[in-house]
PDB file of N, CA and C in Angstrom:
ATOM      1  N   UNK A   1      93.538  76.443 115.161  1.00  0.00           N
ATOM      2  CA  UNK A   1      94.450  77.328 115.782  1.00  0.00           C
ATOM      3  C   UNK A   1      95.181  78.182 114.698  1.00  0.00           C
ATOM      4  N   UNK A   2      95.696  77.591 113.676  1.00  0.00           N
ATOM      5  CA  UNK A   2      96.362  78.357 112.648  1.00  0.00           C
ATOM      6  C   UNK A   2      97.874  78.272 112.715  1.00  0.00           C
ATOM      7  N   UNK A   3      98.588  78.870 111.835  1.00  0.00           N
ATOM      8  CA  UNK A   3     100.007  78.834 111.689  1.00  0.00           C
ATOM      9  C   UNK A   3     100.636  79.919 112.646  1.00  0.00           C
ATOM     10  N   UNK A   4     101.693  79.534 113.312  1.00  0.00           N
ATOM     11  CA  UNK A   4     102.391  80.468 114.172  1.00  0.00           C
ATOM     12  C   UNK A   4     103.924  80.344 113.876  1.00  0.00           C
ATOM     13  N   UNK A   5     104.659  81.445 114.037  1.00  0.00           N
ATOM     14  CA  UNK A   5     106.080  81.452 113.687  1.00  0.00           C
ATOM     15  C   UNK A   5     106.765  82.301 114.752  1.00  0.00           C
ATOM     16  N   UNK A   6     107.922  81.802 115.230  1.00  0.00           N
ATOM     17  CA  UNK A   6     108.732  82.563 116.194  1.00  0.00           C
ATOM     18  C   UNK A   6     109.881  83.233 115.421  1.00  0.00           C
ATOM     19  N   UNK A   7     109.986  84.502 115.560  1.00  0.00           N
ATOM     20  CA  UNK A   7     111.059  85.202 114.825  1.00  0.00           C
ATOM     21  C   UNK A   7     112.363  85.107 115.571  1.00  0.00           C
ATOM     22  N   UNK A   8     113.448  85.675 115.043  1.00  0.00           N
ATOM     23  CA  UNK A   8     114.797  85.599 115.640  1.00  0.00           C
ATOM     24  C   UNK A   8     114.880  86.311 116.978  1.00  0.00           C
ATOM     25  N   UNK A   9     113.954  87.209 117.249  1.00  0.00           N
ATOM     26  CA  UNK A   9     113.934  87.899 118.536  1.00  0.00           C
ATOM     27  C   UNK A   9     113.159  87.148 119.617  1.00  0.00           C
ATOM     28  N   UNK A  10     112.604  85.997 119.265  1.00  0.00           N
ATOM     29  CA  UNK A  10     111.877  85.190 120.258  1.00  0.00           C
ATOM     30  C   UNK A  10     110.408  85.567 120.395  1.00  0.00           C
ATOM     31  N   UNK A  11     109.882  86.400 119.521  1.00  0.00           N
ATOM     32  CA  UNK A  11     108.477  86.813 119.589  1.00  0.00           C
ATOM     33  C   UNK A  11     107.612  85.869 118.685  1.00  0.00           C
ATOM     34  N   UNK A  12     106.519  85.352 119.163  1.00  0.00           N
ATOM     35  CA  UNK A  12     105.681  84.477 118.422  1.00  0.00           C
ATOM     36  C   UNK A  12     104.608  85.260 117.687  1.00  0.00           C
ATOM     37  N   UNK A  13     104.405  85.046 116.429  1.00  0.00           N
ATOM     38  CA  UNK A  13     103.387  85.792 115.654  1.00  0.00           C
ATOM     39  C   UNK A  13     102.467  84.666 115.031  1.00  0.00           C
ATOM     40  N   UNK A  14     101.139  85.085 114.864  1.00  0.00           N
ATOM     41  CA  UNK A  14     100.118  84.188 114.345  1.00  0.00           C
ATOM     42  C   UNK A  14      99.700  84.706 112.988  1.00  0.00           C
ATOM     43  N   UNK A  15      99.575  83.841 111.974  1.00  0.00           N
ATOM     44  CA  UNK A  15      99.155  84.178 110.609  1.00  0.00           C
ATOM     45  C   UNK A  15      97.664  84.380 110.578  1.00  0.00           C
ATOM     46  N   UNK A  16      97.232  85.461 109.951  1.00  0.00           N
ATOM     47  CA  UNK A  16      95.803  85.763 109.728  1.00  0.00           C
ATOM     48  C   UNK A  16      95.556  86.096 108.284  1.00  0.00           C
ATOM     49  N   UNK A  17      94.349  85.971 107.849  1.00  0.00           N
ATOM     50  CA  UNK A  17      93.986  86.382 106.483  1.00  0.00           C
ATOM     51  C   UNK A  17      92.606  86.964 106.460  1.00  0.00           C
ATOM     52  N   UNK A  18      92.391  87.792 105.414  1.00  0.00           N
ATOM     53  CA  UNK A  18      91.084  88.297 105.183  1.00  0.00           C
ATOM     54  C   UNK A  18      90.929  88.760 103.733  1.00  0.00           C
ATOM     55  N   UNK A  19      89.755  88.818 103.239  1.00  0.00           N
ATOM     56  CA  UNK A  19      89.453  89.284 101.903  1.00  0.00           C
ATOM     57  C   UNK A  19      89.178  90.781 101.930  1.00  0.00           C
ATOM     58  N   UNK A  20      89.859  91.533 101.008  1.00  0.00           N
ATOM     59  CA  UNK A  20      89.636  92.947 100.888  1.00  0.00           C
ATOM     60  C   UNK A  20      89.222  93.289  99.487  1.00  0.00           C
ATOM     61  N   UNK A  21      88.521  94.379  99.362  1.00  0.00           N
ATOM     62  CA  UNK A  21      88.091  94.846  98.025  1.00  0.00           C
ATOM     63  C   UNK A  21      89.016  95.996  97.598  1.00  0.00           C
ATOM     64  N   UNK A  22      89.713  95.817  96.401  1.00  0.00           N
ATOM     65  CA  UNK A  22      90.587  96.850  95.901  1.00  0.00           C
ATOM     66  C   UNK A  22      89.766  97.930  95.226  1.00  0.00           C
ATOM     67  N   UNK A  23      90.461  99.057  94.898  1.00  0.00           N
ATOM     68  CA  UNK A  23      89.758 100.140  94.306  1.00  0.00           C
ATOM     69  C   UNK A  23      88.988  99.849  93.031  1.00  0.00           C
ATOM     70  N   UNK A  24      89.491  98.971  92.191  1.00  0.00           N
ATOM     71  CA  UNK A  24      88.810  98.573  90.956  1.00  0.00           C
ATOM     72  C   UNK A  24      87.630  97.642  91.218  1.00  0.00           C
ATOM     73  N   UNK A  25      87.387  97.251  92.420  1.00  0.00           N
ATOM     74  CA  UNK A  25      86.303  96.331  92.680  1.00  0.00           C
ATOM     75  C   UNK A  25      86.741  94.880  92.800  1.00  0.00           C
ATOM     76  N   UNK A  26      88.019  94.598  92.510  1.00  0.00           N
ATOM     77  CA  UNK A  26      88.501  93.227  92.582  1.00  0.00           C
ATOM     78  C   UNK A  26      88.727  92.793  94.065  1.00  0.00           C
ATOM     79  N   UNK A  27      88.393  91.557  94.359  1.00  0.00           N
ATOM     80  CA  UNK A  27      88.533  91.040  95.715  1.00  0.00           C
ATOM     81  C   UNK A  27      89.866  90.277  95.769  1.00  0.00           C
ATOM     82  N   UNK A  28      90.616  90.504  96.823  1.00  0.00           N
ATOM     83  CA  UNK A  28      91.922  89.816  96.943  1.00  0.00           C
ATOM     84  C   UNK A  28      92.070  89.424  98.436  1.00  0.00           C
ATOM     85  N   UNK A  29      92.691  88.266  98.600  1.00  0.00           N
ATOM     86  CA  UNK A  29      92.947  87.763  99.964  1.00  0.00           C
ATOM     87  C   UNK A  29      94.352  88.277 100.396  1.00  0.00           C
ATOM     88  N   UNK A  30      94.408  88.826 101.575  1.00  0.00           N
ATOM     89  CA  UNK A  30      95.660  89.324 102.176  1.00  0.00           C
ATOM     90  C   UNK A  30      96.022  88.454 103.411  1.00  0.00           C
ATOM     91  N   UNK A  31      97.331  88.369 103.645  1.00  0.00           N
ATOM     92  CA  UNK A  31      97.874  87.657 104.834  1.00  0.00           C
ATOM     93  C   UNK A  31      98.649  88.698 105.653  1.00  0.00           C
ATOM     94  N   UNK A  32      98.504  88.542 107.036  1.00  0.00           N
ATOM     95  CA  UNK A  32      99.219  89.420 107.888  1.00  0.00           C
ATOM     96  C   UNK A  32      99.442  88.671 109.271  1.00  0.00           C
ATOM     97  N   UNK A  33     100.429  89.131 109.961  1.00  0.00           N
ATOM     98  CA  UNK A  33     100.839  88.488 111.250  1.00  0.00           C
ATOM     99  C   UNK A  33     100.366  89.430 112.390  1.00  0.00           C
ATOM    100  N   UNK A  34      99.995  88.747 113.513  1.00  0.00           N
ATOM    101  CA  UNK A  34      99.709  89.497 114.750  1.00  0.00           C
ATOM    102  C   UNK A  34     100.264  88.744 115.938  1.00  0.00           C
ATOM    103  N   UNK A  35     100.473  89.444 117.002  1.00  0.00           N
ATOM    104  CA  UNK A  35     101.001  88.859 118.196  1.00  0.00           C
ATOM    105  C   UNK A  35      99.949  88.013 118.989  1.00  0.00           C
ATOM    106  N   UNK A  36      98.678  88.338 118.791  1.00  0.00           N
ATOM    107  CA  UNK A  36      97.613  87.618 119.506  1.00  0.00           C
ATOM    108  C   UNK A  36      96.847  86.764 118.570  1.00  0.00           C
ATOM    109  N   UNK A  37      96.128  85.754 119.068  1.00  0.00           N
ATOM    110  CA  UNK A  37      95.363  84.855 118.280  1.00  0.00           C
ATOM    111  C   UNK A  37      94.052  85.547 117.946  1.00  0.00           C
ATOM    112  N   UNK A  38      93.694  85.606 116.697  1.00  0.00           N
ATOM    113  CA  UNK A  38      92.468  86.251 116.263  1.00  0.00           C
ATOM    114  C   UNK A  38      91.558  85.240 115.574  1.00  0.00           C
ATOM    115  N   UNK A  39      90.246  85.667 115.402  1.00  0.00           N
ATOM    116  CA  UNK A  39      89.312  84.788 114.695  1.00  0.00           C
ATOM    117  C   UNK A  39      89.713  84.543 113.252  1.00  0.00           C
ATOM    118  N   UNK A  40      90.513  85.464 112.659  1.00  0.00           N
ATOM    119  CA  UNK A  40      90.912  85.318 111.254  1.00  0.00           C
ATOM    120  C   UNK A  40      92.110  84.402 111.095  1.00  0.00           C
ATOM    121  N   UNK A  41      92.522  83.681 112.115  1.00  0.00           N
ATOM    122  CA  UNK A  41      93.688  82.819 112.074  1.00  0.00           C
ATOM    123  C   UNK A  41      93.576  81.795 110.966  1.00  0.00           C
ATOM    124  N   UNK A  42      94.665  81.510 110.272  1.00  0.00           N
ATOM    125  CA  UNK A  42      94.653  80.567 109.149  1.00  0.00           C
ATOM    126  C   UNK A  42      95.978  79.804 109.076  1.00  0.00           C
ATOM    127  N   UNK A  43      95.932  78.736 108.359  1.00  0.00           N
ATOM    128  CA  UNK A  43      97.149  77.973 108.126  1.00  0.00           C
ATOM    129  C   UNK A  43      97.915  78.534 106.942  1.00  0.00           C
ATOM    130  N   UNK A  44      99.192  78.228 106.894  1.00  0.00           N
ATOM    131  CA  UNK A  44     100.046  78.728 105.796  1.00  0.00           C
ATOM    132  C   UNK A  44      99.651  77.984 104.529  1.00  0.00           C
ATOM    133  N   UNK A  45      99.231  78.720 103.480  1.00  0.00           N
ATOM    134  CA  UNK A  45      98.707  78.072 102.297  1.00  0.00           C
ATOM    135  C   UNK A  45      99.888  77.323 101.575  1.00  0.00           C
ATOM    136  N   UNK A  46      99.438  76.304 100.833  1.00  0.00           N
ATOM    137  CA  UNK A  46     100.433  75.580  99.996  1.00  0.00           C
ATOM    138  C   UNK A  46     101.082  76.478  98.941  1.00  0.00           C
ATOM    139  N   UNK A  47     102.393  76.449  98.793  1.00  0.00           N
ATOM    140  CA  UNK A  47     103.084  77.197  97.786  1.00  0.00           C
ATOM    141  C   UNK A  47     103.507  78.579  98.273  1.00  0.00           C
ATOM    142  N   UNK A  48     103.375  78.795  99.621  1.00  0.00           N
ATOM    143  CA  UNK A  48     103.812  80.078 100.241  1.00  0.00           C
ATOM    144  C   UNK A  48     104.911  79.781 101.268  1.00  0.00           C
ATOM    145  N   UNK A  49     105.709  80.770 101.531  1.00  0.00           N
ATOM    146  CA  UNK A  49     106.764  80.631 102.537  1.00  0.00           C
ATOM    147  C   UNK A  49     106.826  81.891 103.411  1.00  0.00           C
ATOM    148  N   UNK A  50     107.425  81.878 104.560  1.00  0.00           N
ATOM    149  CA  UNK A  50     107.548  82.993 105.484  1.00  0.00           C
ATOM    150  C   UNK A  50     108.955  83.509 105.404  1.00  0.00           C
ATOM    151  N   UNK A  51     109.118  84.778 105.243  1.00  0.00           N
ATOM    152  CA  UNK A  51     110.398  85.476 105.266  1.00  0.00           C
ATOM    153  C   UNK A  51     110.462  86.472 106.402  1.00  0.00           C
ATOM    154  N   UNK A  52     111.603  86.582 106.973  1.00  0.00           N
ATOM    155  CA  UNK A  52     111.826  87.554 108.077  1.00  0.00           C
ATOM    156  C   UNK A  52     112.801  88.619 107.667  1.00  0.00           C
ATOM    157  N   UNK A  53     112.462  89.931 107.988  1.00  0.00           N
ATOM    158  CA  UNK A  53     113.353  90.978 107.717  1.00  0.00           C
ATOM    159  C   UNK A  53     114.430  90.882 108.818  1.00  0.00           C
ATOM    160  N   UNK A  54     115.732  90.819 108.406  1.00  0.00           N
ATOM    161  CA  UNK A  54     116.763  90.596 109.471  1.00  0.00           C
ATOM    162  C   UNK A  54     117.027  91.866 110.309  1.00  0.00           C
ATOM    163  N   UNK A  55     116.615  93.018 109.802  1.00  0.00           N
ATOM    164  CA  UNK A  55     116.851  94.272 110.557  1.00  0.00           C
ATOM    165  C   UNK A  55     115.879  94.415 111.677  1.00  0.00           C
ATOM    166  N   UNK A  56     114.588  94.121 111.435  1.00  0.00           N
ATOM    167  CA  UNK A  56     113.581  94.486 112.515  1.00  0.00           C
ATOM    168  C   UNK A  56     112.767  93.191 112.894  1.00  0.00           C
ATOM    169  N   UNK A  57     112.926  92.016 112.280  1.00  0.00           N
ATOM    170  CA  UNK A  57     112.223  90.853 112.699  1.00  0.00           C
ATOM    171  C   UNK A  57     110.808  90.723 112.164  1.00  0.00           C
ATOM    172  N   UNK A  58     110.321  91.671 111.274  1.00  0.00           N
ATOM    173  CA  UNK A  58     108.982  91.619 110.756  1.00  0.00           C
ATOM    174  C   UNK A  58     108.896  90.391 109.835  1.00  0.00           C
ATOM    175  N   UNK A  59     107.721  89.743 109.847  1.00  0.00           N
ATOM    176  CA  UNK A  59     107.511  88.614 109.018  1.00  0.00           C
ATOM    177  C   UNK A  59     106.593  88.937 107.849  1.00  0.00           C
ATOM    178  N   UNK A  60     106.826  88.303 106.683  1.00  0.00           N
ATOM    179  CA  UNK A  60     106.015  88.477 105.522  1.00  0.00           C
ATOM    180  C   UNK A  60     105.766  87.131 104.903  1.00  0.00           C
ATOM    181  N   UNK A  61     104.675  87.002 104.205  1.00  0.00           N
ATOM    182  CA  UNK A  61     104.326  85.802 103.419  1.00  0.00           C
ATOM    183  C   UNK A  61     104.499  86.048 101.975  1.00  0.00           C
ATOM    184  N   UNK A  62     105.210  85.197 101.253  1.00  0.00           N
ATOM    185  CA  UNK A  62     105.401  85.367  99.840  1.00  0.00           C
ATOM    186  C   UNK A  62     105.261  83.992  99.164  1.00  0.00           C
ATOM    187  N   UNK A  63     104.976  84.022  97.842  1.00  0.00           N
ATOM    188  CA  UNK A  63     104.904  82.794  97.085  1.00  0.00           C
ATOM    189  C   UNK A  63     106.249  82.195  96.833  1.00  0.00           C
ATOM    190  N   UNK A  64     106.354  80.813  96.824  1.00  0.00           N
ATOM    191  CA  UNK A  64     107.600  80.222  96.470  1.00  0.00           C
ATOM    192  C   UNK A  64     107.850  80.376  95.000  1.00  0.00           C
ATOM    193  N   UNK A  65     109.099  80.524  94.671  1.00  0.00           N
ATOM    194  CA  UNK A  65     109.499  80.696  93.259  1.00  0.00           C
ATOM    195  C   UNK A  65     109.817  79.330  92.641  1.00  0.00           C
TER     196      UNK A  65
END
């Protein structure tokens, strides 16, 4: 199923990830949230946390400090 998070506005988002190739040819894994469940659904990786923008409710994934 994957990781899901409900923001302060009551909307549930599901965490997804995929590998992208950057301009220099380096491959990097990115995380993003969607309202629907997608095949790219993943669990929240160890050492990461979810932050919410208080103004608009957007969710982001960042590394723990």
